[in-house]
């Protein structure tokens, strides 16, 4: 499910997030859960030679890819660490982002506390998360589409509805929420949707776990593949200040 917002259908929000963060030359920018470092070069370009970009992730494979991607960038540091215990000195970060990270962590509020600790007064923080309860897949069998979404939210994604809670959680840990935006990535290509949403894989898991009838689930999936296809979900972006 993490790939969905990184597809062609969801990529535009990244540019919007960077613009809203208003990153300035000379600042320190933190990317929590940086993964393979996709966003680190763009952050480095904005902070310039006098700034610093810190990418944090706990997956060694992702860290290796991030280091490879940013090998020629002098002002980028890749650090291994957990979002619940950020390897960053308190009060040293001017801009921070966590993009589709909180839906996977054990305690989203604790991660936000870590972000509050790491950032300076006046810092800007960008948070982006999907709300998988809003996932809709067009099919003649509407009941099975709804059952598929329920399976995703209940069994597949740890914090499946974190998107709707971002602003509330941010305020609870002491941030001031400035902007809340909803983006709706639309997928109309079945193969792309199957890849990014895991339609076939997750349907098979739902069948195997007894959440959806086998014949009904297979008919639903086969019908999707014949098209035309439509699926969408809501991606929530929150910009807040320290």
C-alpha atoms as a PDB file:
ATOM      1  CA  UNK A   1       0.000   0.000   0.000  1.00  0.00           C
ATOM      2  CA  UNK A   2       2.973   2.311   0.479  1.00  0.00           C
ATOM      3  CA  UNK A   3       3.515   2.445  -3.290  1.00  0.00           C
ATOM      4  CA  UNK A   4       0.072   3.877  -4.025  1.00  0.00           C
ATOM      5  CA  UNK A   5       0.878   7.487  -3.249  1.00  0.00           C
ATOM      6  CA  UNK A   6       4.189   7.200  -5.090  1.00  0.00           C
ATOM      7  CA  UNK A   7       2.514   6.215  -8.364  1.00  0.00           C
ATOM      8  CA  UNK A   8       1.816   8.576 -11.233  1.00  0.00           C
ATOM      9  CA  UNK A   9      -1.632   9.136  -9.756  1.00  0.00           C
ATOM     10  CA  UNK A  10      -0.290  10.399  -6.444  1.00  0.00           C
ATOM     11  CA  UNK A  11       3.039  12.043  -7.199  1.00  0.00           C
ATOM     12  CA  UNK A  12       1.844  15.656  -7.498  1.00  0.00           C
ATOM     13  CA  UNK A  13       1.333  16.006  -3.755  1.00  0.00           C
ATOM     14  CA  UNK A  14       5.103  15.753  -3.190  1.00  0.00           C
ATOM     15  CA  UNK A  15       5.784  18.988  -5.041  1.00  0.00           C
ATOM     16  CA  UNK A  16       2.949  20.640  -3.142  1.00  0.00           C
ATOM     17  CA  UNK A  17       4.399  19.451   0.163  1.00  0.00           C
ATOM     18  CA  UNK A  18       7.851  20.853  -0.612  1.00  0.00           C
ATOM     19  CA  UNK A  19       6.344  24.188  -1.648  1.00  0.00           C
ATOM     20  CA  UNK A  20       4.281  24.451   1.535  1.00  0.00           C
ATOM     21  CA  UNK A  21       7.292  23.629   3.701  1.00  0.00           C
ATOM     22  CA  UNK A  22       8.923  26.823   2.379  1.00  0.00           C
ATOM     23  CA  UNK A  23      12.436  25.448   2.735  1.00  0.00           C
ATOM     24  CA  UNK A  24      15.089  28.182   2.762  1.00  0.00           C
ATOM     25  CA  UNK A  25      18.781  28.165   1.907  1.00  0.00           C
ATOM     26  CA  UNK A  26      20.972  27.381   4.895  1.00  0.00           C
ATOM     27  CA  UNK A  27      18.340  25.472   6.827  1.00  0.00           C
ATOM     28  CA  UNK A  28      18.471  21.946   8.244  1.00  0.00           C
ATOM     29  CA  UNK A  29      15.791  19.676   6.765  1.00  0.00           C
ATOM     30  CA  UNK A  30      14.836  16.272   8.174  1.00  0.00           C
ATOM     31  CA  UNK A  31      13.176  13.467   6.204  1.00  0.00           C
ATOM     32  CA  UNK A  32      11.743  10.890   8.631  1.00  0.00           C
ATOM     33  CA  UNK A  33      11.384   7.495   6.999  1.00  0.00           C
ATOM     34  CA  UNK A  34      13.361   8.609   3.965  1.00  0.00           C
ATOM     35  CA  UNK A  35      13.282   5.148   2.401  1.00  0.00           C
ATOM     36  CA  UNK A  36      15.493   4.949  -0.711  1.00  0.00           C
ATOM     37  CA  UNK A  37      16.100   8.695  -0.556  1.00  0.00           C
ATOM     38  CA  UNK A  38      13.695   9.703  -3.298  1.00  0.00           C
ATOM     39  CA  UNK A  39      13.073  13.168  -1.839  1.00  0.00           C
ATOM     40  CA  UNK A  40      16.549  13.908  -0.481  1.00  0.00           C
ATOM     41  CA  UNK A  41      18.016  15.511  -3.637  1.00  0.00           C
ATOM     42  CA  UNK A  42      15.073  17.934  -3.850  1.00  0.00           C
ATOM     43  CA  UNK A  43      15.524  18.859  -0.194  1.00  0.00           C
ATOM     44  CA  UNK A  44      19.270  19.311  -0.728  1.00  0.00           C
ATOM     45  CA  UNK A  45      18.669  21.610  -3.679  1.00  0.00           C
ATOM     46  CA  UNK A  46      16.456  23.834  -1.548  1.00  0.00           C
ATOM     47  CA  UNK A  47      18.736  24.108   1.491  1.00  0.00           C
ATOM     48  CA  UNK A  48      21.736  24.823  -0.729  1.00  0.00           C
ATOM     49  CA  UNK A  49      25.430  24.554   0.075  1.00  0.00           C
ATOM     50  CA  UNK A  50      24.985  26.207   3.446  1.00  0.00           C
ATOM     51  CA  UNK A  51      22.242  23.876   4.629  1.00  0.00           C
ATOM     52  CA  UNK A  52      21.953  20.290   5.774  1.00  0.00           C
ATOM     53  CA  UNK A  53      19.597  17.428   4.933  1.00  0.00           C
ATOM     54  CA  UNK A  54      19.195  14.464   7.290  1.00  0.00           C
ATOM     55  CA  UNK A  55      17.502  11.312   6.068  1.00  0.00           C
ATOM     56  CA  UNK A  56      16.473   8.766   8.713  1.00  0.00           C
ATOM     57  CA  UNK A  57      15.281   5.218   8.142  1.00  0.00           C
ATOM     58  CA  UNK A  58      15.585   1.928   9.980  1.00  0.00           C
ATOM     59  CA  UNK A  59      15.749  -0.390   6.955  1.00  0.00           C
ATOM     60  CA  UNK A  60      19.382  -1.154   5.988  1.00  0.00           C
ATOM     61  CA  UNK A  61      18.412  -1.890   2.384  1.00  0.00           C
ATOM     62  CA  UNK A  62      16.618   1.441   2.055  1.00  0.00           C
ATOM     63  CA  UNK A  63      19.538   3.245   3.685  1.00  0.00           C
ATOM     64  CA  UNK A  64      21.958   1.695   1.215  1.00  0.00           C
ATOM     65  CA  UNK A  65      19.847   2.907  -1.699  1.00  0.00           C
ATOM     66  CA  UNK A  66      19.561   6.365  -0.142  1.00  0.00           C
ATOM     67  CA  UNK A  67      23.329   6.601   0.247  1.00  0.00           C
ATOM     68  CA  UNK A  68      23.801   5.558  -3.359  1.00  0.00           C
ATOM     69  CA  UNK A  69      21.261   8.120  -4.547  1.00  0.00           C
ATOM     70  CA  UNK A  70      22.863  10.964  -2.595  1.00  0.00           C
ATOM     71  CA  UNK A  71      26.520   9.952  -2.901  1.00  0.00           C
ATOM     72  CA  UNK A  72      27.450  13.142  -4.731  1.00  0.00           C
ATOM     73  CA  UNK A  73      25.626  15.481  -2.363  1.00  0.00           C
ATOM     74  CA  UNK A  74      27.951  16.801   0.328  1.00  0.00           C
ATOM     75  CA  UNK A  75      25.259  18.245   2.583  1.00  0.00           C
ATOM     76  CA  UNK A  76      23.162  15.087   2.971  1.00  0.00           C
ATOM     77  CA  UNK A  77      23.547  12.753   5.951  1.00  0.00           C
ATOM     78  CA  UNK A  78      21.891   9.335   6.027  1.00  0.00           C
ATOM     79  CA  UNK A  79      21.281   8.039   9.543  1.00  0.00           C
ATOM     80  CA  UNK A  80      19.970   4.683  10.676  1.00  0.00           C
ATOM     81  CA  UNK A  81      17.300   5.034  13.318  1.00  0.00           C
ATOM     82  CA  UNK A  82      13.723   4.492  14.348  1.00  0.00           C
ATOM     83  CA  UNK A  83      11.107   7.203  14.055  1.00  0.00           C
ATOM     84  CA  UNK A  84      10.254   6.597  17.723  1.00  0.00           C
ATOM     85  CA  UNK A  85      13.811   7.581  18.712  1.00  0.00           C
ATOM     86  CA  UNK A  86      15.112   9.977  16.089  1.00  0.00           C
ATOM     87  CA  UNK A  87      18.930  10.192  15.928  1.00  0.00           C
ATOM     88  CA  UNK A  88      18.798  13.998  15.850  1.00  0.00           C
ATOM     89  CA  UNK A  89      19.897  16.532  18.451  1.00  0.00           C
ATOM     90  CA  UNK A  90      16.998  18.393  20.097  1.00  0.00           C
ATOM     91  CA  UNK A  91      16.042  21.732  18.610  1.00  0.00           C
ATOM     92  CA  UNK A  92      18.302  21.516  15.555  1.00  0.00           C
ATOM     93  CA  UNK A  93      15.844  21.072  12.653  1.00  0.00           C
ATOM     94  CA  UNK A  94      14.217  23.914  10.700  1.00  0.00           C
ATOM     95  CA  UNK A  95      12.041  21.844   8.345  1.00  0.00           C
ATOM     96  CA  UNK A  96      10.844  18.267   8.682  1.00  0.00           C
ATOM     97  CA  UNK A  97       8.636  15.881   6.771  1.00  0.00           C
ATOM     98  CA  UNK A  98       7.149  12.460   7.378  1.00  0.00           C
ATOM     99  CA  UNK A  99       5.558  11.137   4.205  1.00  0.00           C
ATOM    100  CA  UNK A 100       3.447   7.966   4.493  1.00  0.00           C
ATOM    101  CA  UNK A 101       5.361   6.845   7.576  1.00  0.00           C
ATOM    102  CA  UNK A 102       2.896   7.140  10.459  1.00  0.00           C
ATOM    103  CA  UNK A 103       0.521   4.579   8.985  1.00  0.00           C
ATOM    104  CA  UNK A 104       3.197   1.954   9.668  1.00  0.00           C
ATOM    105  CA  UNK A 105       4.623   2.900  13.066  1.00  0.00           C
ATOM    106  CA  UNK A 106       3.660   1.432  16.428  1.00  0.00           C
ATOM    107  CA  UNK A 107       2.763   4.770  18.073  1.00  0.00           C
ATOM    108  CA  UNK A 108       2.121   7.723  15.723  1.00  0.00           C
ATOM    109  CA  UNK A 109       1.779  10.195  18.592  1.00  0.00           C
ATOM    110  CA  UNK A 110       5.196   9.201  19.953  1.00  0.00           C
ATOM    111  CA  UNK A 111       6.775   9.876  16.566  1.00  0.00           C
ATOM    112  CA  UNK A 112       5.198  13.333  16.536  1.00  0.00           C
ATOM    113  CA  UNK A 113       6.646  13.954  19.998  1.00  0.00           C
ATOM    114  CA  UNK A 114      10.052  13.066  18.556  1.00  0.00           C
ATOM    115  CA  UNK A 115       9.525  15.547  15.742  1.00  0.00           C
ATOM    116  CA  UNK A 116       8.557  18.223  18.253  1.00  0.00           C
ATOM    117  CA  UNK A 117      11.751  17.511  20.208  1.00  0.00           C
ATOM    118  CA  UNK A 118      13.966  17.639  17.122  1.00  0.00           C
ATOM    119  CA  UNK A 119      12.633  20.895  15.669  1.00  0.00           C
ATOM    120  CA  UNK A 120      13.432  24.496  16.566  1.00  0.00           C
ATOM    121  CA  UNK A 121      10.792  27.034  17.616  1.00  0.00           C
ATOM    122  CA  UNK A 122       9.280  28.369  14.397  1.00  0.00           C
ATOM    123  CA  UNK A 123      10.101  25.215  12.422  1.00  0.00           C
ATOM    124  CA  UNK A 124       7.672  23.936   9.776  1.00  0.00           C
ATOM    125  CA  UNK A 125       6.656  20.286   9.622  1.00  0.00           C
ATOM    126  CA  UNK A 126       4.877  18.487   6.788  1.00  0.00           C
ATOM    127  CA  UNK A 127       2.912  15.292   7.410  1.00  0.00           C
ATOM    128  CA  UNK A 128       1.262  13.210   4.683  1.00  0.00           C
ATOM    129  CA  UNK A 129      -0.809  10.076   5.210  1.00  0.00           C
ATOM    130  CA  UNK A 130      -3.553   8.224   3.355  1.00  0.00           C
ATOM    131  CA  UNK A 131      -6.895   7.381   4.897  1.00  0.00           C
ATOM    132  CA  UNK A 132      -7.520   3.864   3.629  1.00  0.00           C
ATOM    133  CA  UNK A 133     -11.129   3.941   4.805  1.00  0.00           C
ATOM    134  CA  UNK A 134     -11.667   6.171   1.754  1.00  0.00           C
ATOM    135  CA  UNK A 135     -10.401   3.564  -0.713  1.00  0.00           C
ATOM    136  CA  UNK A 136     -13.060   2.924  -3.354  1.00  0.00           C
ATOM    137  CA  UNK A 137     -12.852   0.433  -6.201  1.00  0.00           C
ATOM    138  CA  UNK A 138     -15.557   0.510  -8.832  1.00  0.00           C
ATOM    139  CA  UNK A 139     -17.158  -2.885  -9.475  1.00  0.00           C
ATOM    140  CA  UNK A 140     -20.609  -4.283 -10.192  1.00  0.00           C
ATOM    141  CA  UNK A 141     -20.299  -6.166  -6.916  1.00  0.00           C
ATOM    142  CA  UNK A 142     -20.235  -3.163  -4.606  1.00  0.00           C
ATOM    143  CA  UNK A 143     -20.453  -5.345  -1.511  1.00  0.00           C
ATOM    144  CA  UNK A 144     -17.178  -7.074  -2.312  1.00  0.00           C
ATOM    145  CA  UNK A 145     -15.478  -3.740  -3.019  1.00  0.00           C
ATOM    146  CA  UNK A 146     -16.576  -2.568   0.416  1.00  0.00           C
ATOM    147  CA  UNK A 147     -15.411  -5.828   1.992  1.00  0.00           C
ATOM    148  CA  UNK A 148     -12.021  -5.381   0.305  1.00  0.00           C
ATOM    149  CA  UNK A 149     -11.639  -1.893   1.794  1.00  0.00           C
ATOM    150  CA  UNK A 150     -12.640  -3.190   5.225  1.00  0.00           C
ATOM    151  CA  UNK A 151      -9.993  -5.897   4.947  1.00  0.00           C
ATOM    152  CA  UNK A 152      -7.330  -3.320   4.054  1.00  0.00           C
ATOM    153  CA  UNK A 153      -8.217  -1.088   6.993  1.00  0.00           C
ATOM    154  CA  UNK A 154      -8.644  -3.890   9.524  1.00  0.00           C
ATOM    155  CA  UNK A 155      -5.920  -6.351   8.530  1.00  0.00           C
ATOM    156  CA  UNK A 156      -3.359  -4.887   6.119  1.00  0.00           C
ATOM    157  CA  UNK A 157      -2.366  -1.383   7.245  1.00  0.00           C
ATOM    158  CA  UNK A 158      -1.451  -0.845  10.895  1.00  0.00           C
ATOM    159  CA  UNK A 159      -2.811   2.717  11.228  1.00  0.00           C
ATOM    160  CA  UNK A 160      -5.152   2.724   8.267  1.00  0.00           C
ATOM    161  CA  UNK A 161      -7.119   5.872   9.127  1.00  0.00           C
ATOM    162  CA  UNK A 162      -4.209   7.998  10.353  1.00  0.00           C
ATOM    163  CA  UNK A 163      -4.774  10.557   7.603  1.00  0.00           C
ATOM    164  CA  UNK A 164      -7.928  11.945   9.187  1.00  0.00           C
ATOM    165  CA  UNK A 165      -6.219  12.134  12.593  1.00  0.00           C
ATOM    166  CA  UNK A 166      -3.071  14.011  11.591  1.00  0.00           C
ATOM    167  CA  UNK A 167      -4.200  17.525  12.496  1.00  0.00           C
ATOM    168  CA  UNK A 168      -5.641  16.456  15.839  1.00  0.00           C
ATOM    169  CA  UNK A 169      -2.544  14.469  16.824  1.00  0.00           C
ATOM    170  CA  UNK A 170      -0.214  17.278  15.736  1.00  0.00           C
ATOM    171  CA  UNK A 171      -2.040  19.786  17.920  1.00  0.00           C
ATOM    172  CA  UNK A 172      -2.056  17.393  20.871  1.00  0.00           C
ATOM    173  CA  UNK A 173       1.749  17.218  20.906  1.00  0.00           C
ATOM    174  CA  UNK A 174       2.127  21.001  20.710  1.00  0.00           C
ATOM    175  CA  UNK A 175       2.315  21.889  17.018  1.00  0.00           C
ATOM    176  CA  UNK A 176       0.191  24.653  15.525  1.00  0.00           C
ATOM    177  CA  UNK A 177      -1.669  23.406  12.465  1.00  0.00           C
ATOM    178  CA  UNK A 178      -1.603  25.871   9.582  1.00  0.00           C
ATOM    179  CA  UNK A 179      -2.839  23.931   6.559  1.00  0.00           C
ATOM    180  CA  UNK A 180      -4.858  20.752   6.016  1.00  0.00           C
ATOM    181  CA  UNK A 181      -5.310  19.528   2.453  1.00  0.00           C
ATOM    182  CA  UNK A 182      -6.957  16.497   0.906  1.00  0.00           C
ATOM    183  CA  UNK A 183      -5.728  15.046  -2.377  1.00  0.00           C
ATOM    184  CA  UNK A 184      -7.504  12.271  -4.261  1.00  0.00           C
ATOM    185  CA  UNK A 185      -5.190  10.116  -6.377  1.00  0.00           C
ATOM    186  CA  UNK A 186      -7.229   8.428  -9.118  1.00  0.00           C
ATOM    187  CA  UNK A 187      -6.108   5.181 -10.719  1.00  0.00           C
ATOM    188  CA  UNK A 188      -7.661   4.193 -14.046  1.00  0.00           C
ATOM    189  CA  UNK A 189      -5.128   1.644 -15.225  1.00  0.00           C
ATOM    190  CA  UNK A 190      -5.822  -1.807 -13.818  1.00  0.00           C
ATOM    191  CA  UNK A 191      -2.211  -3.025 -13.984  1.00  0.00           C
ATOM    192  CA  UNK A 192      -0.935   0.054 -12.155  1.00  0.00           C
ATOM    193  CA  UNK A 193      -3.643  -0.274  -9.524  1.00  0.00           C
ATOM    194  CA  UNK A 194      -2.935  -3.965  -9.043  1.00  0.00           C
ATOM    195  CA  UNK A 195       0.739  -3.131  -8.525  1.00  0.00           C
ATOM    196  CA  UNK A 196       0.269  -0.149  -6.219  1.00  0.00           C
ATOM    197  CA  UNK A 197      -2.785  -1.265  -4.245  1.00  0.00           C
ATOM    198  CA  UNK A 198      -2.060  -4.981  -4.261  1.00  0.00           C
ATOM    199  CA  UNK A 199      -5.557  -5.808  -5.502  1.00  0.00           C
ATOM    200  CA  UNK A 200      -4.896  -9.442  -6.381  1.00  0.00           C
ATOM    201  CA  UNK A 201      -2.508 -10.134  -3.507  1.00  0.00           C
ATOM    202  CA  UNK A 202      -4.723  -8.582  -0.860  1.00  0.00           C
ATOM    203  CA  UNK A 203      -7.873 -10.168  -2.251  1.00  0.00           C
ATOM    204  CA  UNK A 204      -6.221 -13.582  -2.071  1.00  0.00           C
ATOM    205  CA  UNK A 205      -5.212 -12.899   1.522  1.00  0.00           C
ATOM    206  CA  UNK A 206      -8.769 -11.810   2.332  1.00  0.00           C
ATOM    207  CA  UNK A 207     -10.067 -15.058   0.834  1.00  0.00           C
ATOM    208  CA  UNK A 208      -7.496 -17.207   2.630  1.00  0.00           C
ATOM    209  CA  UNK A 209      -8.314 -15.527   5.956  1.00  0.00           C
ATOM    210  CA  UNK A 210     -12.044 -16.074   5.488  1.00  0.00           C
ATOM    211  CA  UNK A 211     -13.042 -12.423   5.093  1.00  0.00           C
ATOM    212  CA  UNK A 212     -14.370 -12.752   1.544  1.00  0.00           C
ATOM    213  CA  UNK A 213     -15.984 -15.730  -0.230  1.00  0.00           C
ATOM    214  CA  UNK A 214     -13.551 -17.357  -2.645  1.00  0.00           C
ATOM    215  CA  UNK A 215     -15.765 -17.449  -5.735  1.00  0.00           C
ATOM    216  CA  UNK A 216     -17.105 -13.975  -5.141  1.00  0.00           C
ATOM    217  CA  UNK A 217     -13.628 -12.542  -4.611  1.00  0.00           C
ATOM    218  CA  UNK A 218     -12.251 -14.146  -7.756  1.00  0.00           C
ATOM    219  CA  UNK A 219     -15.191 -12.923  -9.849  1.00  0.00           C
ATOM    220  CA  UNK A 220     -14.643  -9.424  -8.454  1.00  0.00           C
ATOM    221  CA  UNK A 221     -10.947  -9.421  -9.372  1.00  0.00           C
ATOM    222  CA  UNK A 222     -11.526 -10.914 -12.821  1.00  0.00           C
ATOM    223  CA  UNK A 223     -14.159  -8.265 -13.511  1.00  0.00           C
ATOM    224  CA  UNK A 224     -11.743  -5.480 -12.600  1.00  0.00           C
ATOM    225  CA  UNK A 225      -9.174  -6.751 -15.069  1.00  0.00           C
ATOM    226  CA  UNK A 226     -11.633  -6.450 -17.961  1.00  0.00           C
ATOM    227  CA  UNK A 227     -12.066  -2.698 -17.370  1.00  0.00           C
ATOM    228  CA  UNK A 228     -12.763   0.123 -17.627  1.00  0.00           C
ATOM    229  CA  UNK A 229     -11.187   0.576 -14.211  1.00  0.00           C
ATOM    230  CA  UNK A 230     -11.517   3.181 -11.464  1.00  0.00           C
ATOM    231  CA  UNK A 231     -10.099   3.384  -7.942  1.00  0.00           C
ATOM    232  CA  UNK A 232      -9.269   6.290  -5.648  1.00  0.00           C
ATOM    233  CA  UNK A 233      -8.435   7.177  -2.063  1.00  0.00           C
ATOM    234  CA  UNK A 234      -7.795  10.297  -0.006  1.00  0.00           C
ATOM    235  CA  UNK A 235      -4.314  11.484   0.892  1.00  0.00           C
ATOM    236  CA  UNK A 236      -4.188  14.060   3.718  1.00  0.00           C
ATOM    237  CA  UNK A 237      -1.398  16.640   3.977  1.00  0.00           C
ATOM    238  CA  UNK A 238      -0.911  18.700   7.133  1.00  0.00           C
ATOM    239  CA  UNK A 239       1.512  21.593   7.509  1.00  0.00           C
ATOM    240  CA  UNK A 240       2.194  22.715  11.065  1.00  0.00           C
ATOM    241  CA  UNK A 241       4.670  24.875  12.933  1.00  0.00           C
ATOM    242  CA  UNK A 242       6.626  24.343  16.115  1.00  0.00           C
END
